[in-house]
Amino acid sequence: MSVPRASHANPCYSRTMAPKTPSSKKGKASGFVIGSARFRKISAVEGIHYSPDMKGRVAISKSKALTPEERRKTIIKAYRKA
């Protein structure tokens, strides 16, 4: 009775043990997302507090249901005026 030979040089190699290659998910941010309440708490520890203008922009963004890209543009526009 003969033992079947592996088709590759290393008989201990298994495709399930091969390193995983990252998938290319475009448009997906890596990591995790924190909410605005948690962000305010973290900012407070750093000594950063929302100004009345910032609070107003947040309220407008929420009421208009802006996309993240639209929110970023609004923030950038506000600081470029200054």
Protein backbone atom coordinates (compact mmCIF):
# COMPACT_ATOMS: atom_id res chain seq x y z
CA MET A 1 0.00 0.00 0.00
CA SER A 2 1.53 3.32 -1.03
CA VAL A 3 1.07 6.62 0.74
CA PRO A 4 -0.35 9.40 -1.46
CA ARG A 5 2.19 12.13 -2.09
CA ALA A 6 1.46 15.81 -1.54
CA SER A 7 1.19 17.88 -4.68
CA HIS A 8 3.55 20.50 -3.27
CA ALA A 9 6.97 20.47 -1.62
CA ASN A 10 5.84 20.85 2.00
CA PRO A 11 3.57 17.97 3.08
CA CYS A 12 2.62 19.83 6.29
CA TYR A 13 1.28 22.82 4.38
CA SER A 14 -2.46 23.40 4.38
CA ARG A 15 -4.32 26.13 2.53
CA THR A 16 -6.33 26.81 5.67
CA MET A 17 -3.08 27.70 7.43
CA ALA A 18 -2.04 30.18 4.75
CA PRO A 19 -1.90 33.83 5.79
CA LYS A 20 -5.07 35.73 5.06
CA THR A 21 -4.83 38.56 2.56
CA PRO A 22 -6.88 41.65 3.38
CA SER A 23 -9.90 42.14 1.20
CA SER A 24 -10.14 45.36 -0.72
CA LYS A 25 -13.33 46.90 0.64
CA LYS A 26 -13.44 50.36 -0.82
CA GLY A 27 -15.38 52.97 1.08
CA LYS A 28 -15.18 51.14 4.39
CA ALA A 29 -13.33 52.77 7.24
CA SER A 30 -11.05 50.58 9.26
CA GLY A 31 -11.34 50.34 13.00
CA PHE A 32 -14.51 51.28 14.81
CA VAL A 33 -16.80 54.27 15.05
CA ILE A 34 -17.57 56.08 18.29
CA GLY A 35 -20.70 58.09 18.87
CA SER A 36 -20.83 61.82 19.48
CA ALA A 37 -21.54 61.44 23.21
CA ARG A 38 -18.47 59.25 23.69
CA PHE A 39 -16.40 61.62 21.53
CA ARG A 40 -17.41 64.55 23.76
CA LYS A 41 -16.35 62.62 26.87
CA ILE A 42 -12.97 61.75 25.35
CA SER A 43 -12.52 65.35 24.20
CA ALA A 44 -13.34 66.65 27.68
CA VAL A 45 -10.54 64.51 29.14
CA GLU A 46 -8.21 66.17 26.63
CA GLY A 47 -9.51 69.61 27.66
CA ILE A 48 -11.45 70.18 24.43
CA HIS A 49 -15.04 71.41 24.69
CA TYR A 50 -17.67 72.13 22.03
CA SER A 51 -18.15 75.82 21.31
CA PRO A 52 -21.69 77.15 20.73
CA ASP A 53 -20.89 77.27 16.98
CA MET A 54 -19.83 73.62 17.00
CA LYS A 55 -23.00 72.61 18.85
CA GLY A 56 -25.05 74.51 16.27
CA ARG A 57 -23.32 72.72 13.37
CA VAL A 58 -23.98 69.36 15.02
CA ALA A 59 -27.68 70.21 15.46
CA ILE A 60 -28.01 71.36 11.84
CA SER A 61 -26.19 68.25 10.57
CA LYS A 62 -28.54 66.00 12.51
CA SER A 63 -31.70 67.88 11.48
CA LYS A 64 -30.71 67.81 7.79
CA ALA A 65 -29.48 64.19 8.04
CA LEU A 66 -26.24 65.06 6.26
CA THR A 67 -23.92 62.32 5.07
CA PRO A 68 -20.49 62.07 6.72
CA GLU A 69 -18.91 63.67 3.63
CA GLU A 70 -21.36 66.58 3.77
CA ARG A 71 -20.63 67.04 7.49
CA ARG A 72 -16.90 67.17 6.81
CA LYS A 73 -17.41 69.77 4.07
CA THR A 74 -19.53 71.90 6.45
CA ILE A 75 -16.84 71.78 9.14
CA ILE A 76 -14.03 72.57 6.69
CA LYS A 77 -16.00 75.47 5.23
CA ALA A 78 -16.62 76.91 8.73
CA TYR A 79 -12.91 76.90 9.60
CA ARG A 80 -11.71 78.22 6.23
CA LYS A 81 -13.83 81.34 6.74
CA ALA A 82 -12.05 82.13 10.00
